[in-house]
C-alpha cells in the first residue's frame, strides 16, 4: 500500500483516467486531474460536459482491491496504470 501511495504522489497535477466499479455491473470511466494525495486517500478533480468541476476521493485500499483503476496519461510517455 505504501508503494501505491508513492506512485500516486508522483503523479500529482497530471491527467488520469479513473475506472471505478460501483457494483452490479456499473463501471464509471472518467478523466480528471490528480489534485492531492493524503496519508489515507487521494483526490481527483473531474470536469464534466457542463464546465463544472467536481472532486472525488478514493482510498489506496480501493486501488489495492481493484475497485478503482488509475491510469496516468502523459504526452511524453505511454499510459501508466497504477495498481
Protein backbone atom coordinates (compact mmCIF):
# COMPACT_ATOMS: atom_id res chain seq x y z
CA UNK A 1 0.00 0.00 0.00
CA UNK A 2 2.94 2.31 0.63
CA UNK A 3 4.14 1.73 -2.94
CA UNK A 4 0.71 2.68 -4.30
CA UNK A 5 0.71 5.88 -2.26
CA UNK A 6 4.18 6.84 -3.52
CA UNK A 7 3.13 6.17 -7.13
CA UNK A 8 0.08 8.38 -6.67
CA UNK A 9 2.16 11.15 -5.07
CA UNK A 10 4.47 11.18 -8.11
CA UNK A 11 1.50 11.85 -10.38
CA UNK A 12 0.01 14.90 -8.67
CA UNK A 13 -1.18 17.55 -11.20
CA UNK A 14 -1.24 15.00 -14.04
CA UNK A 15 -4.23 13.87 -16.05
CA UNK A 16 -5.56 10.46 -15.04
CA UNK A 17 -8.31 8.13 -16.20
CA UNK A 18 -10.36 6.61 -13.39
CA UNK A 19 -12.26 3.36 -13.84
CA UNK A 20 -14.43 2.82 -10.76
CA UNK A 21 -16.52 -0.26 -10.10
CA UNK A 22 -19.78 0.83 -8.46
CA UNK A 23 -21.20 -2.68 -8.11
CA UNK A 24 -23.86 -4.61 -10.01
CA UNK A 25 -22.04 -4.29 -13.33
CA UNK A 26 -21.86 -0.49 -13.05
CA UNK A 27 -18.46 0.82 -14.08
CA UNK A 28 -17.77 4.54 -14.36
CA UNK A 29 -14.90 5.83 -16.50
CA UNK A 30 -13.89 9.46 -16.04
CA UNK A 31 -10.92 11.64 -16.83
CA UNK A 32 -9.59 14.16 -14.34
CA UNK A 33 -6.57 15.74 -12.73
CA UNK A 34 -4.97 14.19 -9.67
CA UNK A 35 -5.14 17.07 -7.24
CA UNK A 36 -3.85 15.89 -3.86
CA UNK A 37 -2.59 12.84 -2.02
CA UNK A 38 -3.12 12.47 1.71
CA UNK A 39 -1.97 9.67 4.05
CA UNK A 40 -5.23 7.70 3.63
CA UNK A 41 -6.81 8.95 0.40
CA UNK A 42 -6.27 10.85 -2.84
CA UNK A 43 -8.42 13.48 -4.56
CA UNK A 44 -9.18 13.80 -8.28
CA UNK A 45 -10.82 16.88 -9.85
CA UNK A 46 -13.20 15.90 -12.65
CA UNK A 47 -14.65 18.33 -15.19
CA UNK A 48 -17.92 17.37 -16.82
CA UNK A 49 -19.62 18.45 -20.03
CA UNK A 50 -21.32 21.38 -18.27
CA UNK A 51 -17.99 23.06 -17.36
CA UNK A 52 -18.42 22.43 -13.67
CA UNK A 53 -15.74 20.69 -11.69
CA UNK A 54 -16.27 18.06 -9.06
CA UNK A 55 -13.87 16.47 -6.62
CA UNK A 56 -13.94 12.77 -5.86
CA UNK A 57 -11.78 10.94 -3.35
CA UNK A 58 -10.72 7.33 -3.13
CA UNK A 59 -8.58 5.40 -0.70
CA UNK A 60 -5.43 3.49 -1.57
CA UNK A 61 -7.24 0.34 -0.49
CA UNK A 62 -9.67 0.88 -3.39
CA UNK A 63 -6.74 0.55 -5.79
CA UNK A 64 -5.35 -2.44 -3.91
CA UNK A 65 -8.67 -4.33 -4.05
CA UNK A 66 -9.31 -3.44 -7.70
CA UNK A 67 -12.39 -1.31 -7.06
CA UNK A 68 -10.63 1.64 -8.72
CA UNK A 69 -8.11 1.59 -11.55
CA UNK A 70 -5.98 4.69 -12.13
CA UNK A 71 -4.23 5.21 -15.46
CA UNK A 72 -1.86 8.16 -15.80
CA UNK A 73 -1.98 9.94 -19.16
CA UNK A 74 1.27 11.56 -20.23
CA UNK A 75 2.10 13.16 -23.56
CA UNK A 76 5.76 12.15 -23.45
CA UNK A 77 5.33 8.62 -22.10
CA UNK A 78 2.81 5.87 -22.80
CA UNK A 79 -0.07 5.43 -20.36
CA UNK A 80 0.93 4.01 -16.99
CA UNK A 81 -1.51 2.00 -14.89
CA UNK A 82 -1.18 2.24 -11.11
CA UNK A 83 -2.14 -0.95 -9.31
